Structures are given as C-alpha cells and as structure tokens.
PDB file of N, CA and C in Angstrom:
ATOM      1  N   MET A   1      -1.730 -40.409  48.847  1.00  0.00           N
ATOM      2  CA  MET A   1      -1.547 -39.867  47.523  1.00  0.00           C
ATOM      3  C   MET A   1      -0.239 -40.366  46.906  1.00  0.00           C
ATOM      4  N   GLN A   2       0.812 -40.413  47.738  1.00  0.00           N
ATOM      5  CA  GLN A   2       2.086 -40.895  47.232  1.00  0.00           C
ATOM      6  C   GLN A   2       2.016 -42.375  46.868  1.00  0.00           C
ATOM      7  N   VAL A   3       1.213 -43.123  47.597  1.00  0.00           N
ATOM      8  CA  VAL A   3       1.057 -44.548  47.312  1.00  0.00           C
ATOM      9  C   VAL A   3       0.421 -44.739  45.936  1.00  0.00           C
ATOM     10  N   ILE A   4      -0.601 -43.955  45.637  1.00  0.00           N
ATOM     11  CA  ILE A   4      -1.272 -44.045  44.339  1.00  0.00           C
ATOM     12  C   ILE A   4      -0.305 -43.660  43.225  1.00  0.00           C
ATOM     13  N   HIS A   5       0.456 -42.608  43.441  1.00  0.00           N
ATOM     14  CA  HIS A   5       1.435 -42.172  42.444  1.00  0.00           C
ATOM     15  C   HIS A   5       2.484 -43.266  42.219  1.00  0.00           C
ATOM     16  N   HIS A   6       2.926 -43.893  43.298  1.00  0.00           N
ATOM     17  CA  HIS A   6       3.910 -44.968  43.203  1.00  0.00           C
ATOM     18  C   HIS A   6       3.328 -46.177  42.459  1.00  0.00           C
ATOM     19  N   LEU A   7       2.071 -46.514  42.750  1.00  0.00           N
ATOM     20  CA  LEU A   7       1.424 -47.643  42.073  1.00  0.00           C
ATOM     21  C   LEU A   7       1.253 -47.373  40.580  1.00  0.00           C
ATOM     22  N   ARG A   8       0.918 -46.134  40.230  1.00  0.00           N
ATOM     23  CA  ARG A   8       0.777 -45.779  38.815  1.00  0.00           C
ATOM     24  C   ARG A   8       2.121 -45.914  38.101  1.00  0.00           C
ATOM     25  N   LYS A   9       3.166 -45.437  38.743  1.00  0.00           N
ATOM     26  CA  LYS A   9       4.504 -45.524  38.165  1.00  0.00           C
ATOM     27  C   LYS A   9       4.908 -46.982  37.972  1.00  0.00           C
ATOM     28  N   GLN A  10       4.629 -47.790  38.975  1.00  0.00           N
ATOM     29  CA  GLN A  10       4.972 -49.205  38.921  1.00  0.00           C
ATOM     30  C   GLN A  10       4.146 -49.911  37.841  1.00  0.00           C
ATOM     31  N   ALA A  11       2.880 -49.561  37.726  1.00  0.00           N
ATOM     32  CA  ALA A  11       2.023 -50.160  36.702  1.00  0.00           C
ATOM     33  C   ALA A  11       2.530 -49.814  35.311  1.00  0.00           C
ATOM     34  N   LEU A  12       2.914 -48.562  35.088  1.00  0.00           N
ATOM     35  CA  LEU A  12       3.458 -48.160  33.790  1.00  0.00           C
ATOM     36  C   LEU A  12       4.763 -48.884  33.491  1.00  0.00           C
ATOM     37  N   PHE A  13       5.559 -49.129  34.533  1.00  0.00           N
ATOM     38  CA  PHE A  13       6.828 -49.822  34.363  1.00  0.00           C
ATOM     39  C   PHE A  13       6.613 -51.237  33.822  1.00  0.00           C
ATOM     40  N   PHE A  14       5.517 -51.889  34.205  1.00  0.00           N
ATOM     41  CA  PHE A  14       5.231 -53.248  33.743  1.00  0.00           C
ATOM     42  C   PHE A  14       4.306 -53.277  32.526  1.00  0.00           C
ATOM     43  N   VAL A  15       3.373 -52.351  32.455  1.00  0.00           N
ATOM     44  CA  VAL A  15       2.374 -52.368  31.387  1.00  0.00           C
ATOM     45  C   VAL A  15       2.980 -52.010  30.031  1.00  0.00           C
ATOM     46  N   ILE A  16       3.789 -50.975  29.975  1.00  0.00           N
ATOM     47  CA  ILE A  16       4.344 -50.531  28.689  1.00  0.00           C
ATOM     48  C   ILE A  16       5.199 -51.626  28.040  1.00  0.00           C
ATOM     49  N   PRO A  17       6.135 -52.262  28.751  1.00  0.00           N
ATOM     50  CA  PRO A  17       6.896 -53.342  28.108  1.00  0.00           C
ATOM     51  C   PRO A  17       6.013 -54.537  27.716  1.00  0.00           C
ATOM     52  N   ALA A  18       5.029 -54.858  28.552  1.00  0.00           N
ATOM     53  CA  ALA A  18       4.154 -55.988  28.242  1.00  0.00           C
ATOM     54  C   ALA A  18       3.335 -55.717  26.985  1.00  0.00           C
ATOM     55  N   VAL A  19       2.789 -54.518  26.878  1.00  0.00           N
ATOM     56  CA  VAL A  19       2.012 -54.150  25.692  1.00  0.00           C
ATOM     57  C   VAL A  19       2.915 -54.125  24.463  1.00  0.00           C
ATOM     58  N   SER A  20       4.121 -53.624  24.613  1.00  0.00           N
ATOM     59  CA  SER A  20       5.069 -53.591  23.496  1.00  0.00           C
ATOM     60  C   SER A  20       5.400 -54.995  23.010  1.00  0.00           C
ATOM     61  N   MET A  21       5.614 -55.909  23.933  1.00  0.00           N
ATOM     62  CA  MET A  21       5.914 -57.289  23.550  1.00  0.00           C
ATOM     63  C   MET A  21       4.730 -57.945  22.861  1.00  0.00           C
ATOM     64  N   LEU A  22       3.536 -57.743  23.394  1.00  0.00           N
ATOM     65  CA  LEU A  22       2.346 -58.314  22.766  1.00  0.00           C
ATOM     66  C   LEU A  22       2.126 -57.739  21.374  1.00  0.00           C
ATOM     67  N   LEU A  23       2.344 -56.457  21.229  1.00  0.00           N
ATOM     68  CA  LEU A  23       2.201 -55.820  19.925  1.00  0.00           C
ATOM     69  C   LEU A  23       3.217 -56.384  18.935  1.00  0.00           C
ATOM     70  N   ALA A  24       4.452 -56.558  19.384  1.00  0.00           N
ATOM     71  CA  ALA A  24       5.487 -57.127  18.513  1.00  0.00           C
ATOM     72  C   ALA A  24       5.130 -58.552  18.107  1.00  0.00           C
ATOM     73  N   LEU A  25       4.643 -59.351  19.042  1.00  0.00           N
ATOM     74  CA  LEU A  25       4.228 -60.717  18.718  1.00  0.00           C
ATOM     75  C   LEU A  25       3.070 -60.722  17.734  1.00  0.00           C
ATOM     76  N   PHE A  26       2.136 -59.832  17.926  1.00  0.00           N
ATOM     77  CA  PHE A  26       0.975 -59.750  17.042  1.00  0.00           C
ATOM     78  C   PHE A  26       1.380 -59.334  15.634  1.00  0.00           C
ATOM     79  N   VAL A  27       2.301 -58.386  15.542  1.00  0.00           N
ATOM     80  CA  VAL A  27       2.711 -57.864  14.236  1.00  0.00           C
ATOM     81  C   VAL A  27       3.538 -58.886  13.466  1.00  0.00           C
ATOM     82  N   PHE A  28       4.467 -59.563  14.129  1.00  0.00           N
ATOM     83  CA  PHE A  28       5.392 -60.436  13.416  1.00  0.00           C
ATOM     84  C   PHE A  28       4.932 -61.887  13.325  1.00  0.00           C
ATOM     85  N   SER A  29       4.156 -62.394  14.242  1.00  0.00           N
ATOM     86  CA  SER A  29       3.746 -63.793  14.219  1.00  0.00           C
ATOM     87  C   SER A  29       2.820 -64.156  13.067  1.00  0.00           C
ATOM     88  N   PRO A  30       1.785 -63.375  12.754  1.00  0.00           N
ATOM     89  CA  PRO A  30       0.894 -63.790  11.665  1.00  0.00           C
ATOM     90  C   PRO A  30       1.608 -63.941  10.330  1.00  0.00           C
ATOM     91  N   SER A  31       2.555 -63.073  10.044  1.00  0.00           N
ATOM     92  CA  SER A  31       3.239 -63.173   8.758  1.00  0.00           C
ATOM     93  C   SER A  31       4.100 -64.427   8.697  1.00  0.00           C
ATOM     94  N   VAL A  32       4.733 -64.788   9.785  1.00  0.00           N
ATOM     95  CA  VAL A  32       5.556 -65.991   9.801  1.00  0.00           C
ATOM     96  C   VAL A  32       4.685 -67.222   9.667  1.00  0.00           C
ATOM     97  N   SER A  33       3.606 -67.304  10.434  1.00  0.00           N
ATOM     98  CA  SER A  33       2.751 -68.484  10.352  1.00  0.00           C
ATOM     99  C   SER A  33       2.010 -68.543   9.027  1.00  0.00           C
ATOM    100  N   ALA A  34       1.689 -67.402   8.442  1.00  0.00           N
ATOM    101  CA  ALA A  34       1.029 -67.406   7.137  1.00  0.00           C
ATOM    102  C   ALA A  34       1.960 -67.941   6.066  1.00  0.00           C
ATOM    103  N   LEU A  35       3.230 -67.568   6.127  1.00  0.00           N
ATOM    104  CA  LEU A  35       4.186 -68.078   5.146  1.00  0.00           C
ATOM    105  C   LEU A  35       4.394 -69.575   5.296  1.00  0.00           C
ATOM    106  N   GLN A  36       4.345 -70.064   6.518  1.00  0.00           N
ATOM    107  CA  GLN A  36       4.547 -71.485   6.745  1.00  0.00           C
ATOM    108  C   GLN A  36       3.353 -72.310   6.298  1.00  0.00           C
ATOM    109  N   SER A  37       2.184 -71.698   6.183  1.00  0.00           N
ATOM    110  CA  SER A  37       0.993 -72.470   5.853  1.00  0.00           C
ATOM    111  C   SER A  37       0.587 -72.367   4.388  1.00  0.00           C
ATOM    112  N   ILE A  38       1.402 -71.732   3.549  1.00  0.00           N
ATOM    113  CA  ILE A  38       1.063 -71.629   2.133  1.00  0.00           C
ATOM    114  C   ILE A  38       1.250 -72.989   1.478  1.00  0.00           C
ATOM    115  N   PRO A  39       0.183 -73.568   0.956  1.00  0.00           N
ATOM    116  CA  PRO A  39       0.344 -74.852   0.264  1.00  0.00           C
ATOM    117  C   PRO A  39       0.849 -74.611  -1.156  1.00  0.00           C
ATOM    118  N   TYR A  40       1.932 -75.248  -1.515  1.00  0.00           N
ATOM    119  CA  TYR A  40       2.474 -75.080  -2.857  1.00  0.00           C
ATOM    120  C   TYR A  40       1.833 -76.097  -3.790  1.00  0.00           C
ATOM    121  N   LYS A  41       0.545 -75.952  -3.956  1.00  0.00           N
ATOM    122  CA  LYS A  41      -0.243 -76.808  -4.838  1.00  0.00           C
ATOM    123  C   LYS A  41      -1.002 -75.913  -5.804  1.00  0.00           C
ATOM    124  N   MET A  42      -1.306 -76.456  -6.964  1.00  0.00           N
ATOM    125  CA  MET A  42      -2.033 -75.687  -7.964  1.00  0.00           C
ATOM    126  C   MET A  42      -3.130 -76.573  -8.546  1.00  0.00           C
ATOM    127  N   ASN A  43      -4.370 -76.109  -8.473  1.00  0.00           N
ATOM    128  CA  ASN A  43      -5.478 -76.834  -9.085  1.00  0.00           C
ATOM    129  C   ASN A  43      -5.562 -76.469 -10.555  1.00  0.00           C
ATOM    130  N   PHE A  44      -5.805 -77.471 -11.373  1.00  0.00           N
ATOM    131  CA  PHE A  44      -5.926 -77.247 -12.814  1.00  0.00           C
ATOM    132  C   PHE A  44      -7.117 -78.040 -13.319  1.00  0.00           C
ATOM    133  N   GLN A  45      -7.972 -77.381 -14.093  1.00  0.00           N
ATOM    134  CA  GLN A  45      -9.140 -78.031 -14.688  1.00  0.00           C
ATOM    135  C   GLN A  45      -9.047 -77.890 -16.191  1.00  0.00           C
ATOM    136  N   GLY A  46      -9.493 -78.908 -16.892  1.00  0.00           N
ATOM    137  CA  GLY A  46      -9.430 -78.834 -18.346  1.00  0.00           C
ATOM    138  C   GLY A  46     -10.380 -79.811 -19.004  1.00  0.00           C
ATOM    139  N   LYS A  47     -10.324 -79.820 -20.319  1.00  0.00           N
ATOM    140  CA  LYS A  47     -11.130 -80.732 -21.121  1.00  0.00           C
ATOM    141  C   LYS A  47     -10.194 -81.422 -22.102  1.00  0.00           C
ATOM    142  N   LEU A  48     -10.139 -82.736 -22.019  1.00  0.00           N
ATOM    143  CA  LEU A  48      -9.274 -83.532 -22.883  1.00  0.00           C
ATOM    144  C   LEU A  48     -10.061 -83.938 -24.126  1.00  0.00           C
ATOM    145  N   THR A  49      -9.531 -83.550 -25.292  1.00  0.00           N
ATOM    146  CA  THR A  49     -10.207 -83.867 -26.559  1.00  0.00           C
ATOM    147  C   THR A  49      -9.240 -84.581 -27.495  1.00  0.00           C
ATOM    148  N   ASP A  50      -9.805 -85.225 -28.515  1.00  0.00           N
ATOM    149  CA  ASP A  50      -8.963 -85.859 -29.527  1.00  0.00           C
ATOM    150  C   ASP A  50      -8.592 -84.838 -30.599  1.00  0.00           C
ATOM    151  N   SER A  51      -7.985 -85.286 -31.682  1.00  0.00           N
ATOM    152  CA  SER A  51      -7.474 -84.374 -32.711  1.00  0.00           C
ATOM    153  C   SER A  51      -8.562 -83.609 -33.456  1.00  0.00           C
ATOM    154  N   VAL A  52      -9.812 -84.106 -33.415  1.00  0.00           N
ATOM    155  CA  VAL A  52     -10.908 -83.393 -34.088  1.00  0.00           C
ATOM    156  C   VAL A  52     -11.777 -82.609 -33.107  1.00  0.00           C
ATOM    157  N   GLY A  53     -11.387 -82.594 -31.820  1.00  0.00           N
ATOM    158  CA  GLY A  53     -12.111 -81.811 -30.823  1.00  0.00           C
ATOM    159  C   GLY A  53     -13.191 -82.556 -30.067  1.00  0.00           C
ATOM    160  N   ALA A  54     -13.325 -83.866 -30.308  1.00  0.00           N
ATOM    161  CA  ALA A  54     -14.325 -84.664 -29.581  1.00  0.00           C
ATOM    162  C   ALA A  54     -13.773 -85.025 -28.198  1.00  0.00           C
ATOM    163  N   PRO A  55     -14.621 -84.981 -27.157  1.00  0.00           N
ATOM    164  CA  PRO A  55     -14.159 -85.319 -25.801  1.00  0.00           C
ATOM    165  C   PRO A  55     -13.653 -86.758 -25.723  1.00  0.00           C
ATOM    166  N   MET A  56     -12.591 -86.957 -24.995  1.00  0.00           N
ATOM    167  CA  MET A  56     -12.040 -88.301 -24.786  1.00  0.00           C
ATOM    168  C   MET A  56     -12.939 -89.076 -23.835  1.00  0.00           C
ATOM    169  N   ALA A  57     -12.864 -90.400 -23.929  1.00  0.00           N
ATOM    170  CA  ALA A  57     -13.669 -91.283 -23.079  1.00  0.00           C
ATOM    171  C   ALA A  57     -13.208 -91.173 -21.627  1.00  0.00           C
ATOM    172  N   ALA A  58     -14.135 -91.438 -20.720  1.00  0.00           N
ATOM    173  CA  ALA A  58     -13.810 -91.422 -19.294  1.00  0.00           C
ATOM    174  C   ALA A  58     -12.759 -92.484 -19.003  1.00  0.00           C
ATOM    175  N   GLY A  59     -11.840 -92.172 -18.108  1.00  0.00           N
ATOM    176  CA  GLY A  59     -10.785 -93.109 -17.744  1.00  0.00           C
ATOM    177  C   GLY A  59      -9.601 -92.388 -17.140  1.00  0.00           C
ATOM    178  N   SER A  60      -8.520 -93.138 -16.922  1.00  0.00           N
ATOM    179  CA  SER A  60      -7.300 -92.573 -16.350  1.00  0.00           C
ATOM    180  C   SER A  60      -6.274 -92.395 -17.464  1.00  0.00           C
ATOM    181  N   TYR A  61      -5.645 -91.216 -17.511  1.00  0.00           N
ATOM    182  CA  TYR A  61      -4.718 -90.887 -18.590  1.00  0.00           C
ATOM    183  C   TYR A  61      -3.369 -90.438 -18.045  1.00  0.00           C
ATOM    184  N   ASN A  62      -2.338 -90.678 -18.835  1.00  0.00           N
ATOM    185  CA  ASN A  62      -0.993 -90.206 -18.549  1.00  0.00           C
ATOM    186  C   ASN A  62      -0.872 -88.796 -19.117  1.00  0.00           C
ATOM    187  N   MET A  63      -0.510 -87.821 -18.284  1.00  0.00           N
ATOM    188  CA  MET A  63      -0.389 -86.439 -18.743  1.00  0.00           C
ATOM    189  C   MET A  63       0.885 -85.819 -18.192  1.00  0.00           C
ATOM    190  N   LYS A  64       1.437 -84.892 -18.965  1.00  0.00           N
ATOM    191  CA  LYS A  64       2.588 -84.118 -18.520  1.00  0.00           C
ATOM    192  C   LYS A  64       2.196 -82.651 -18.587  1.00  0.00           C
ATOM    193  N   PHE A  65       2.359 -81.955 -17.476  1.00  0.00           N
ATOM    194  CA  PHE A  65       2.029 -80.536 -17.389  1.00  0.00           C
ATOM    195  C   PHE A  65       3.335 -79.751 -17.407  1.00  0.00           C
ATOM    196  N   ARG A  66       3.362 -78.673 -18.194  1.00  0.00           N
ATOM    197  CA  ARG A  66       4.581 -77.872 -18.327  1.00  0.00           C
ATOM    198  C   ARG A  66       4.244 -76.389 -18.295  1.00  0.00           C
ATOM    199  N   ILE A  67       5.167 -75.603 -17.742  1.00  0.00           N
ATOM    200  CA  ILE A  67       5.048 -74.144 -17.752  1.00  0.00           C
ATOM    201  C   ILE A  67       6.334 -73.594 -18.365  1.00  0.00           C
ATOM    202  N   TYR A  68       6.154 -72.743 -19.389  1.00  0.00           N
ATOM    203  CA  TYR A  68       7.273 -72.111 -20.082  1.00  0.00           C
ATOM    204  C   TYR A  68       7.246 -70.605 -19.829  1.00  0.00           C
ATOM    205  N   ASP A  69       8.352 -69.936 -20.084  1.00  0.00           N
ATOM    206  CA  ASP A  69       8.415 -68.491 -19.882  1.00  0.00           C
ATOM    207  C   ASP A  69       7.968 -67.698 -21.105  1.00  0.00           C
ATOM    208  N   ALA A  70       7.587 -68.376 -22.184  1.00  0.00           N
ATOM    209  CA  ALA A  70       7.092 -67.698 -23.389  1.00  0.00           C
ATOM    210  C   ALA A  70       6.141 -68.630 -24.126  1.00  0.00           C
ATOM    211  N   ALA A  71       5.250 -68.061 -24.937  1.00  0.00           N
ATOM    212  CA  ALA A  71       4.266 -68.859 -25.670  1.00  0.00           C
ATOM    213  C   ALA A  71       4.927 -69.739 -26.731  1.00  0.00           C
ATOM    214  N   THR A  72       5.983 -69.256 -27.368  1.00  0.00           N
ATOM    215  CA  THR A  72       6.727 -70.044 -28.356  1.00  0.00           C
ATOM    216  C   THR A  72       8.216 -69.931 -28.075  1.00  0.00           C
ATOM    217  N   SER A  73       8.930 -71.008 -28.306  1.00  0.00           N
ATOM    218  CA  SER A  73      10.392 -71.060 -28.107  1.00  0.00           C
ATOM    219  C   SER A  73      10.811 -70.623 -26.711  1.00  0.00           C
ATOM    220  N   GLY A  74       9.993 -70.945 -25.723  1.00  0.00           N
ATOM    221  CA  GLY A  74      10.302 -70.544 -24.354  1.00  0.00           C
ATOM    222  C   GLY A  74      11.161 -71.554 -23.628  1.00  0.00           C
ATOM    223  N   THR A  75      11.651 -71.133 -22.480  1.00  0.00           N
ATOM    224  CA  THR A  75      12.443 -71.996 -21.608  1.00  0.00           C
ATOM    225  C   THR A  75      11.506 -72.682 -20.622  1.00  0.00           C
ATOM    226  N   LEU A  76      11.689 -73.982 -20.448  1.00  0.00           N
ATOM    227  CA  LEU A  76      10.872 -74.742 -19.508  1.00  0.00           C
ATOM    228  C   LEU A  76      11.186 -74.291 -18.083  1.00  0.00           C
ATOM    229  N   LEU A  77      10.142 -73.871 -17.351  1.00  0.00           N
ATOM    230  CA  LEU A  77      10.305 -73.428 -15.964  1.00  0.00           C
ATOM    231  C   LEU A  77       9.936 -74.522 -14.968  1.00  0.00           C
ATOM    232  N   TRP A  78       8.943 -75.335 -15.326  1.00  0.00           N
ATOM    233  CA  TRP A  78       8.424 -76.338 -14.388  1.00  0.00           C
ATOM    234  C   TRP A  78       7.670 -77.401 -15.162  1.00  0.00           C
ATOM    235  N   SER A  79       7.704 -78.636 -14.673  1.00  0.00           N
ATOM    236  CA  SER A  79       6.892 -79.697 -15.277  1.00  0.00           C
ATOM    237  C   SER A  79       6.550 -80.736 -14.220  1.00  0.00           C
ATOM    238  N   GLU A  80       5.471 -81.441 -14.481  1.00  0.00           N
ATOM    239  CA  GLU A  80       5.058 -82.543 -13.604  1.00  0.00           C
ATOM    240  C   GLU A  80       4.423 -83.621 -14.463  1.00  0.00           C
ATOM    241  N   GLN A  81       4.853 -84.854 -14.252  1.00  0.00           N
ATOM    242  CA  GLN A  81       4.337 -86.008 -14.989  1.00  0.00           C
ATOM    243  C   GLN A  81       3.301 -86.715 -14.131  1.00  0.00           C
ATOM    244  N   ARG A  82       2.186 -87.079 -14.719  1.00  0.00           N
ATOM    245  CA  ARG A  82       1.160 -87.868 -14.037  1.00  0.00           C
ATOM    246  C   ARG A  82       1.050 -89.198 -14.751  1.00  0.00           C
ATOM    247  N   ALA A  83       1.412 -90.299 -14.058  1.00  0.00           N
ATOM    248  CA  ALA A  83       1.421 -91.640 -14.637  1.00  0.00           C
ATOM    249  C   ALA A  83       0.007 -92.156 -14.849  1.00  0.00           C
ATOM    250  N   ASN A  84      -0.120 -93.065 -15.797  1.00  0.00           N
ATOM    251  CA  ASN A  84      -1.414 -93.646 -16.144  1.00  0.00           C
ATOM    252  C   ASN A  84      -1.777 -94.738 -15.146  1.00  0.00           C
ATOM    253  N   SER A  85      -2.302 -94.343 -14.000  1.00  0.00           N
ATOM    254  CA  SER A  85      -2.789 -95.289 -12.999  1.00  0.00           C
ATOM    255  C   SER A  85      -3.916 -94.627 -12.231  1.00  0.00           C
ATOM    256  N   ALA A  86      -4.702 -95.439 -11.569  1.00  0.00           N
ATOM    257  CA  ALA A  86      -5.852 -94.902 -10.831  1.00  0.00           C
ATOM    258  C   ALA A  86      -5.416 -93.973  -9.703  1.00  0.00           C
ATOM    259  N   SER A  87      -4.247 -94.219  -9.100  1.00  0.00           N
ATOM    260  CA  SER A  87      -3.829 -93.403  -7.958  1.00  0.00           C
ATOM    261  C   SER A  87      -3.057 -92.153  -8.361  1.00  0.00           C
ATOM    262  N   THR A  88      -2.283 -92.199  -9.447  1.00  0.00           N
ATOM    263  CA  THR A  88      -1.464 -91.045  -9.816  1.00  0.00           C
ATOM    264  C   THR A  88      -1.822 -90.443 -11.163  1.00  0.00           C
ATOM    265  N   GLY A  89      -2.628 -91.119 -11.938  1.00  0.00           N
ATOM    266  CA  GLY A  89      -3.007 -90.588 -13.245  1.00  0.00           C
ATOM    267  C   GLY A  89      -4.074 -89.516 -13.130  1.00  0.00           C
ATOM    268  N   VAL A  90      -4.411 -88.941 -14.263  1.00  0.00           N
ATOM    269  CA  VAL A  90      -5.464 -87.930 -14.321  1.00  0.00           C
ATOM    270  C   VAL A  90      -6.740 -88.634 -14.738  1.00  0.00           C
ATOM    271  N   THR A  91      -7.765 -88.543 -13.902  1.00  0.00           N
ATOM    272  CA  THR A  91      -9.035 -89.193 -14.195  1.00  0.00           C
ATOM    273  C   THR A  91      -9.925 -88.246 -14.973  1.00  0.00           C
ATOM    274  N   VAL A  92     -10.291 -88.687 -16.166  1.00  0.00           N
ATOM    275  CA  VAL A  92     -11.174 -87.913 -17.031  1.00  0.00           C
ATOM    276  C   VAL A  92     -12.589 -88.427 -16.834  1.00  0.00           C
ATOM    277  N   THR A  93     -13.533 -87.511 -16.652  1.00  0.00           N
ATOM    278  CA  THR A  93     -14.934 -87.883 -16.449  1.00  0.00           C
ATOM    279  C   THR A  93     -15.720 -87.673 -17.740  1.00  0.00           C
ATOM    280  N   THR A  94     -17.025 -87.786 -17.651  1.00  0.00           N
ATOM    281  CA  THR A  94     -17.905 -87.609 -18.800  1.00  0.00           C
ATOM    282  C   THR A  94     -17.642 -86.269 -19.478  1.00  0.00           C
ATOM    283  N   GLY A  95     -17.583 -86.298 -20.785  1.00  0.00           N
ATOM    284  CA  GLY A  95     -17.371 -85.074 -21.546  1.00  0.00           C
ATOM    285  C   GLY A  95     -15.913 -84.659 -21.647  1.00  0.00           C
ATOM    286  N   GLY A  96     -14.983 -85.522 -21.204  1.00  0.00           N
ATOM    287  CA  GLY A  96     -13.565 -85.214 -21.291  1.00  0.00           C
ATOM    288  C   GLY A  96     -13.049 -84.279 -20.218  1.00  0.00           C
ATOM    289  N   LEU A  97     -13.878 -83.960 -19.230  1.00  0.00           N
ATOM    290  CA  LEU A  97     -13.483 -83.007 -18.183  1.00  0.00           C
ATOM    291  C   LEU A  97     -12.588 -83.669 -17.141  1.00  0.00           C
ATOM    292  N   PHE A  98     -11.628 -82.908 -16.630  1.00  0.00           N
ATOM    293  CA  PHE A  98     -10.759 -83.414 -15.570  1.00  0.00           C
ATOM    294  C   PHE A  98     -10.342 -82.276 -14.640  1.00  0.00           C
ATOM    295  N   THR A  99      -9.997 -82.660 -13.427  1.00  0.00           N
ATOM    296  CA  THR A  99      -9.438 -81.754 -12.420  1.00  0.00           C
ATOM    297  C   THR A  99      -8.247 -82.461 -11.806  1.00  0.00           C
ATOM    298  N   VAL A 100      -7.154 -81.741 -11.662  1.00  0.00           N
ATOM    299  CA  VAL A 100      -5.955 -82.334 -11.072  1.00  0.00           C
ATOM    300  C   VAL A 100      -5.300 -81.306 -10.155  1.00  0.00           C
ATOM    301  N   GLN A 101      -4.735 -81.797  -9.055  1.00  0.00           N
ATOM    302  CA  GLN A 101      -3.977 -80.918  -8.165  1.00  0.00           C
ATOM    303  C   GLN A 101      -2.499 -81.216  -8.386  1.00  0.00           C
ATOM    304  N   LEU A 102      -1.805 -80.233  -8.900  1.00  0.00           N
ATOM    305  CA  LEU A 102      -0.381 -80.370  -9.174  1.00  0.00           C
ATOM    306  C   LEU A 102       0.386 -79.947  -7.935  1.00  0.00           C
ATOM    307  N   GLY A 103       1.432 -80.681  -7.598  1.00  0.00           N
ATOM    308  CA  GLY A 103       2.072 -80.451  -6.313  1.00  0.00           C
ATOM    309  C   GLY A 103       3.441 -79.824  -6.339  1.00  0.00           C
ATOM    310  N   ASP A 104       3.747 -79.210  -5.222  1.00  0.00           N
ATOM    311  CA  ASP A 104       5.060 -78.626  -4.943  1.00  0.00           C
ATOM    312  C   ASP A 104       5.601 -77.782  -6.081  1.00  0.00           C
ATOM    313  N   VAL A 105       4.804 -76.834  -6.508  1.00  0.00           N
ATOM    314  CA  VAL A 105       5.210 -75.910  -7.555  1.00  0.00           C
ATOM    315  C   VAL A 105       6.156 -74.887  -6.955  1.00  0.00           C
ATOM    316  N   ASP A 106       7.286 -74.646  -7.577  1.00  0.00           N
ATOM    317  CA  ASP A 106       8.225 -73.637  -7.104  1.00  0.00           C
ATOM    318  C   ASP A 106       7.838 -72.301  -7.724  1.00  0.00           C
ATOM    319  N   PHE A 107       7.019 -71.521  -7.010  1.00  0.00           N
ATOM    320  CA  PHE A 107       6.524 -70.260  -7.543  1.00  0.00           C
ATOM    321  C   PHE A 107       7.604 -69.191  -7.623  1.00  0.00           C
ATOM    322  N   ALA A 108       8.772 -69.426  -7.041  1.00  0.00           N
ATOM    323  CA  ALA A 108       9.848 -68.439  -7.105  1.00  0.00           C
ATOM    324  C   ALA A 108      10.311 -68.218  -8.540  1.00  0.00           C
ATOM    325  N   VAL A 109      10.182 -69.224  -9.388  1.00  0.00           N
ATOM    326  CA  VAL A 109      10.620 -69.075 -10.781  1.00  0.00           C
ATOM    327  C   VAL A 109       9.560 -68.415 -11.640  1.00  0.00           C
ATOM    328  N   LEU A 110       8.381 -68.172 -11.092  1.00  0.00           N
ATOM    329  CA  LEU A 110       7.283 -67.614 -11.872  1.00  0.00           C
ATOM    330  C   LEU A 110       7.070 -66.136 -11.590  1.00  0.00           C
ATOM    331  N   THR A 111       8.125 -65.396 -11.354  1.00  0.00           N
ATOM    332  CA  THR A 111       8.002 -63.966 -11.079  1.00  0.00           C
ATOM    333  C   THR A 111       8.086 -63.176 -12.368  1.00  0.00           C
ATOM    334  N   ASP A 112       7.750 -61.902 -12.304  1.00  0.00           N
ATOM    335  CA  ASP A 112       7.779 -61.028 -13.474  1.00  0.00           C
ATOM    336  C   ASP A 112       9.128 -60.356 -13.671  1.00  0.00           C
ATOM    337  N   ASP A 113      10.142 -60.782 -12.952  1.00  0.00           N
ATOM    338  CA  ASP A 113      11.461 -60.125 -13.027  1.00  0.00           C
ATOM    339  C   ASP A 113      12.052 -60.204 -14.406  1.00  0.00           C
TER     340      ASP A 113
END
C-alpha cells in the first residue's frame, strides 16, 4: 500500500509540471507563430476605365495605389507604384478588369486611433 502511495506521489511530482509546461507551450506558441505567418499583402480588384467610363483595352498599365486618412485633403499614409511592364505592371484583362497584389503594407498606420 505504501508503494502505491509513493508511486502516486512521484507521478504527481512529474505529471503536474509536465502538464503545466505543455499547457504553457500550447497557450503561447500559436499566437507567436500566427503573428509570424501574417502576410502583409493586400489583394485589390478593380475596373480601369477612360474619362467617359468605357473599359480600357487589355494590356499592362502603370498604376500608383495610395491610401489617405481622409476622403479629401487627407494625409498620405501609404503608396505603391506599379511600373508599366509585364512583370511589375498591372495587367488589365477584357472589360478593363484587373487584380493586383500589393505588397508589404504597414497596417500599423491604418488603425482607428
């Protein structure tokens, strides 16, 4: 009987710290790895039209994307230039439609503070 009591005591001595460590790893590890895996990219889709609203012809276009803190007279928070080339430009398809992935956006400046 004393042997069983001793084994239980010894098991608790090792089990409780081990479970505590595993729980701590489980609680803190996902948040750290999740923060490290956030891609700072933003997908943007649009329709490129001319001054009368007709869709632009298919091709590669030079575009500059900007984000301001207000609709009018705002302060520029972020911008990205896309050069007019097949590899870095914005490719417009039929009907003036385009999709572009904008990179390395600093979302820290886009808070509601």
